[in-house]
Amino acid sequence: MTPVAIITGASAGIGADLARVFAANGHAVALVARREQRLHELADEIAATGRARPLVLPLDLGRRDAASALRKALADNDCEPQYVVNNAGFGLIGRAAELDRAQQLEMIDLNARALLDLSLAFVDSLERHRGGILNVASVAGVMPGPGSAVYYASKAFALSFSEALHYELKPRGVRVTCLCPGPVSTEFQIRAGITDSRPNWLIDVPAARVAAAGYRGLMRGKRVVVPGFISKLLFSLAPRIIPRDFLLTQLEARQLKRRASH
């Protein structure tokens, strides 16, 4: 079977750039997302560079049987995973008690449950091919996020789980890296309800640079990758130095301002 790199959430943003990076480095790629047309456009773009055309697998990862469906689709195409990139996810801006509860549960299904499921579903294959797992979290994972409470909590789960899995799978030769970007201007902001998404040159890192950093970190077996100098400071120092009450107040004000700016 052909070893492939599975890229979830590959229809736009960081996921699409991760697919480009893996393909550019000679990996066979399987693109997974709900928007089939977007996946075909990206597959055509990659093929036009002279690389093998990625396998397109339209799939809703919020489904409880998503891992089984993905396994079958790969087997039907004579492929098996060498790398699993869990990039699919979304956020919502607003107070948790005021946002739609069903949507917030969908967020947990995609950002946490699906990430866990796909991280564990193919370990034997990853071990055979000396591959690994790249889980996309966020600098949000190291702090609480009033105004986006469930999203921040889901990224805290992704970070904690990935760091632990890094140590558990290391003896089996499977690399596990958690990619924790700061703000990145992508379609993510639109779905989250963020209307003020103007890039901040001090902190924003382009999606292509985030993807490249994540790929390098995974290949080097790093536990956590935080692209960008300011994001590194936030990740390592903010939770330890800034008083918790002040941090909570500022985060809520920032999140709600981003939503109310329209």
Protein backbone atom coordinates (compact mmCIF):
# COMPACT_ATOMS: atom_id res chain seq x y z
CA MET A 1 0.00 0.00 0.00
CA THR A 2 1.11 3.55 -0.70
CA PRO A 3 2.01 5.52 2.45
CA VAL A 4 0.25 8.90 2.51
CA ALA A 5 0.05 12.03 4.60
CA ILE A 6 -3.57 12.68 5.61
CA ILE A 7 -4.33 16.40 5.84
CA THR A 8 -7.67 17.25 7.44
CA GLY A 9 -9.31 20.63 6.99
CA ALA A 10 -7.38 20.87 3.72
CA SER A 11 -9.88 22.98 1.80
CA ALA A 12 -8.44 26.35 2.92
CA GLY A 13 -6.06 28.22 5.19
CA ILE A 14 -3.36 26.41 7.17
CA GLY A 15 -4.64 23.01 6.02
CA ALA A 16 -4.23 23.84 2.34
CA ASP A 17 -0.72 25.17 2.98
CA LEU A 18 0.17 22.05 4.97
CA ALA A 19 -0.90 19.96 1.98
CA ARG A 20 1.32 22.08 -0.28
CA VAL A 21 4.30 21.67 2.06
CA PHE A 22 3.96 17.90 2.38
CA ALA A 23 3.54 17.52 -1.39
CA ALA A 24 6.52 19.80 -2.09
CA ASN A 25 8.63 17.54 0.13
CA GLY A 26 7.74 14.45 -1.87
CA HIS A 27 4.95 12.94 0.23
CA ALA A 28 1.85 11.39 -1.28
CA VAL A 29 -1.05 13.38 0.16
CA ALA A 30 -4.69 12.63 0.97
CA LEU A 31 -6.88 15.73 1.30
CA VAL A 32 -9.80 15.49 3.72
CA ALA A 33 -12.56 18.08 4.22
CA ARG A 34 -16.26 18.56 3.47
CA ARG A 35 -15.87 20.92 0.48
CA GLU A 36 -15.09 18.54 -2.36
CA GLN A 37 -14.70 21.20 -5.06
CA ARG A 38 -12.10 23.07 -3.00
CA LEU A 39 -10.17 19.83 -2.51
CA HIS A 40 -10.15 19.09 -6.24
CA GLU A 41 -8.92 22.62 -6.97
CA LEU A 42 -6.07 22.18 -4.51
CA ALA A 43 -5.25 18.72 -5.89
CA ASP A 44 -5.10 20.18 -9.41
CA GLU A 45 -2.85 23.00 -8.20
CA ILE A 46 -0.43 20.55 -6.58
CA ALA A 47 -0.45 18.26 -9.62
CA ALA A 48 0.38 21.24 -11.83
CA THR A 49 3.69 21.61 -9.96
CA GLY A 50 4.75 18.16 -11.15
CA ARG A 51 3.95 16.36 -7.91
CA ALA A 52 1.63 13.38 -7.68
CA ARG A 53 -2.00 14.46 -7.62
CA PRO A 54 -3.33 14.17 -4.05
CA LEU A 55 -6.13 11.78 -3.22
CA VAL A 56 -9.37 13.71 -2.60
CA LEU A 57 -11.53 12.34 0.22
CA PRO A 58 -14.59 14.50 0.95
CA LEU A 59 -15.67 13.63 4.48
CA ASP A 60 -17.39 15.26 7.44
CA LEU A 61 -15.05 14.58 10.34
CA GLY A 62 -17.81 15.47 12.78
CA ARG A 63 -19.35 12.06 12.04
CA ARG A 64 -18.84 9.49 14.79
CA ASP A 65 -17.70 6.93 12.20
CA ALA A 66 -15.30 9.31 10.44
CA ALA A 67 -12.15 7.32 11.29
CA SER A 68 -13.70 4.09 9.99
CA ALA A 69 -14.94 5.83 6.85
CA LEU A 70 -11.48 7.31 6.28
CA ARG A 71 -9.79 3.95 6.79
CA LYS A 72 -12.09 2.33 4.20
CA ALA A 73 -11.60 5.17 1.69
CA LEU A 74 -7.82 4.85 1.99
CA ALA A 75 -7.91 1.07 1.65
CA ASP A 76 -10.14 1.36 -1.42
CA ASN A 77 -7.38 3.49 -2.97
CA ASP A 78 -4.60 1.12 -1.85
CA CYS A 79 -3.22 3.66 0.63
CA GLU A 80 -2.42 3.71 4.33
CA PRO A 81 -1.32 6.56 6.62
CA GLN A 82 2.28 7.50 7.24
CA TYR A 83 1.38 10.90 8.68
CA VAL A 84 -1.86 12.20 10.16
CA VAL A 85 -2.29 15.97 10.24
CA ASN A 86 -5.25 16.97 12.40
CA ASN A 87 -5.89 20.51 11.24
CA ALA A 88 -9.70 20.51 10.92
CA GLY A 89 -11.43 22.74 13.45
CA PHE A 90 -13.44 25.90 13.98
CA GLY A 91 -14.14 28.52 16.63
CA LEU A 92 -17.00 30.73 17.74
CA ILE A 93 -16.89 34.20 19.28
CA GLY A 94 -19.36 35.07 22.04
CA ARG A 95 -20.25 34.15 25.61
CA ALA A 96 -20.78 30.40 25.99
CA ALA A 97 -24.21 30.76 27.63
CA GLU A 98 -25.41 32.95 24.75
CA LEU A 99 -24.03 30.94 21.81
CA ASP A 100 -25.89 28.01 20.29
CA ARG A 101 -25.18 24.98 22.47
CA ALA A 102 -25.44 22.50 19.60
CA GLN A 103 -22.82 24.43 17.61
CA GLN A 104 -20.49 24.42 20.59
CA LEU A 105 -20.88 20.65 20.93
CA GLU A 106 -20.09 20.35 17.21
CA MET A 107 -16.92 22.31 17.93
CA ILE A 108 -15.92 19.80 20.61
CA ASP A 109 -16.70 16.94 18.21
CA LEU A 110 -14.37 18.35 15.56
CA ASN A 111 -11.66 20.12 17.59
CA ALA A 112 -11.25 17.47 20.29
CA ARG A 113 -13.07 14.17 19.69
CA ALA A 114 -12.14 13.82 16.01
CA LEU A 115 -8.55 14.87 16.74
CA LEU A 116 -8.28 12.18 19.41
CA ASP A 117 -9.95 9.56 17.20
CA LEU A 118 -7.70 10.14 14.19
CA SER A 119 -4.59 10.41 16.37
CA LEU A 120 -5.18 6.88 17.70
CA ALA A 121 -6.88 5.16 14.76
CA PHE A 122 -3.77 4.60 12.63
CA VAL A 123 -0.92 4.19 15.12
CA ASP A 124 0.08 0.75 13.80
CA SER A 125 0.39 2.12 10.27
CA LEU A 126 2.32 5.18 11.45
CA GLU A 127 4.71 2.90 13.34
CA ARG A 128 5.29 0.69 10.28
CA HIS A 129 6.14 3.71 8.15
CA ARG A 130 8.14 5.56 10.83
CA GLY A 131 5.76 8.50 10.48
CA GLY A 132 3.92 10.73 12.87
CA ILE A 133 1.06 12.98 13.92
CA LEU A 134 0.82 16.75 13.61
CA ASN A 135 -2.00 18.20 15.70
CA VAL A 136 -2.90 21.84 15.12
CA ALA A 137 -3.78 23.59 18.37
CA SER A 138 -3.17 27.28 19.18
CA VAL A 139 -1.48 29.62 21.63
CA ALA A 140 -5.05 29.79 22.97
CA GLY A 141 -4.38 26.37 24.48
CA VAL A 142 -2.31 27.80 27.33
CA MET A 143 -4.92 30.24 28.66
CA PRO A 144 -8.66 30.48 29.34
CA GLY A 145 -10.69 32.42 26.79
CA PRO A 146 -13.83 34.18 27.98
CA GLY A 147 -15.62 35.33 24.87
CA SER A 148 -14.51 32.13 23.13
CA ALA A 149 -14.51 29.69 26.06
CA VAL A 150 -15.20 26.41 24.29
CA TYR A 151 -12.69 27.07 21.50
CA TYR A 152 -9.91 27.88 23.97
CA ALA A 153 -10.80 24.80 26.03
CA SER A 154 -10.71 22.58 22.92
CA LYS A 155 -7.23 23.83 22.08
CA ALA A 156 -6.08 23.23 25.67
CA PHE A 157 -7.22 19.63 25.20
CA ALA A 158 -5.38 19.34 21.88
CA LEU A 159 -2.17 20.66 23.39
CA SER A 160 -2.27 18.56 26.57
CA PHE A 161 -3.22 15.38 24.72
CA SER A 162 -0.56 15.89 22.04
CA GLU A 163 2.24 16.52 24.52
CA ALA A 164 1.37 13.36 26.44
CA LEU A 165 1.01 11.32 23.26
CA HIS A 166 4.43 12.58 22.14
CA TYR A 167 6.00 10.71 25.08
CA GLU A 168 3.76 7.65 24.84
CA LEU A 169 4.45 6.98 21.16
CA LYS A 170 8.10 8.00 21.08
CA PRO A 171 9.32 4.48 22.02
CA ARG A 172 7.38 3.14 19.02
CA GLY A 173 9.15 5.51 16.63
CA VAL A 174 6.03 7.63 16.01
CA ARG A 175 6.59 11.39 16.17
CA VAL A 176 3.86 13.57 17.66
CA THR A 177 4.06 17.36 17.30
CA CYS A 178 1.60 20.02 18.39
CA LEU A 179 1.53 23.14 16.21
CA CYS A 180 0.40 26.20 18.18
CA PRO A 181 0.07 29.28 15.97
CA GLY A 182 -1.10 32.67 17.11
CA PRO A 183 -3.52 34.69 14.93
CA VAL A 184 -3.53 33.70 11.25
CA SER A 185 -5.70 35.48 8.70
CA THR A 186 -7.79 32.70 7.09
CA GLU A 187 -11.44 31.76 6.54
CA PHE A 188 -11.42 30.58 10.17
CA GLN A 189 -12.22 34.14 11.27
CA ILE A 190 -15.34 34.32 9.11
CA ARG A 191 -16.85 31.15 10.56
CA ALA A 192 -15.92 32.21 14.09
CA GLY A 193 -17.87 35.44 13.68
CA ILE A 194 -14.80 37.67 13.75
CA THR A 195 -15.46 40.74 11.64
CA ASP A 196 -12.35 42.72 12.54
CA SER A 197 -9.75 40.42 11.00
CA ARG A 198 -7.24 43.01 9.81
CA PRO A 199 -3.72 41.55 10.02
CA ASN A 200 -1.58 42.69 12.94
CA TRP A 201 1.97 42.82 11.61
CA LEU A 202 3.39 42.43 15.13
CA ILE A 203 1.81 39.06 15.80
CA ASP A 204 0.15 37.58 12.68
CA VAL A 205 2.12 34.87 10.89
CA PRO A 206 1.12 33.91 7.31
CA ALA A 207 -0.51 30.50 6.95
CA ALA A 208 2.24 29.29 4.60
CA ARG A 209 4.91 30.10 7.20
CA VAL A 210 2.90 28.37 9.94
CA ALA A 211 2.57 25.27 7.77
CA ALA A 212 6.29 25.21 6.95
CA ALA A 213 7.19 25.53 10.64
CA GLY A 214 4.81 22.72 11.55
CA TYR A 215 6.26 20.42 8.92
CA ARG A 216 9.84 21.10 10.00
CA GLY A 217 8.95 20.54 13.63
CA LEU A 218 7.27 17.22 12.90
CA MET A 219 10.18 15.96 10.80
CA ARG A 220 12.56 16.90 13.64
CA GLY A 221 10.41 15.20 16.26
CA LYS A 222 9.68 18.38 18.21
CA ARG A 223 6.98 18.20 20.87
CA VAL A 224 5.55 21.70 20.35
CA VAL A 225 6.03 24.29 17.60
CA VAL A 226 5.00 27.94 18.08
CA PRO A 227 5.64 30.05 14.95
CA GLY A 228 6.47 33.73 15.45
CA PHE A 229 8.46 35.55 18.13
CA ILE A 230 5.50 37.32 19.77
CA SER A 231 3.44 34.13 19.79
CA LYS A 232 6.34 32.32 21.49
CA LEU A 233 6.35 34.98 24.21
CA LEU A 234 2.60 34.68 24.69
CA PHE A 235 2.82 30.91 24.81
CA SER A 236 5.65 30.69 27.32
CA LEU A 237 5.26 33.82 29.45
CA ALA A 238 1.68 35.09 29.44
CA PRO A 239 0.17 32.33 31.62
CA ARG A 240 3.03 32.61 34.13
CA ILE A 241 3.67 36.34 34.38
CA ILE A 242 0.38 38.13 33.68
CA PRO A 243 -2.06 38.04 36.64
CA ARG A 244 -4.94 35.68 35.88
CA ASP A 245 -7.72 38.18 36.56
CA PHE A 246 -6.13 40.74 34.26
CA LEU A 247 -5.56 38.12 31.55
CA LEU A 248 -9.21 37.00 31.70
CA THR A 249 -10.50 40.57 31.50
CA GLN A 250 -8.31 41.49 28.55
CA LEU A 251 -9.05 38.33 26.61
CA GLU A 252 -12.81 38.73 26.97
CA ALA A 253 -12.67 42.38 25.96
CA ARG A 254 -10.58 41.55 22.89
CA GLN A 255 -12.79 38.68 21.77
CA LEU A 256 -16.07 40.52 22.16
CA LYS A 257 -14.66 43.62 20.45
CA ARG A 258 -13.68 41.49 17.45
CA ARG A 259 -17.23 40.19 17.21
CA ALA A 260 -18.95 43.54 17.76
CA SER A 261 -16.78 45.54 15.37
CA HIS A 262 -19.42 45.34 12.60
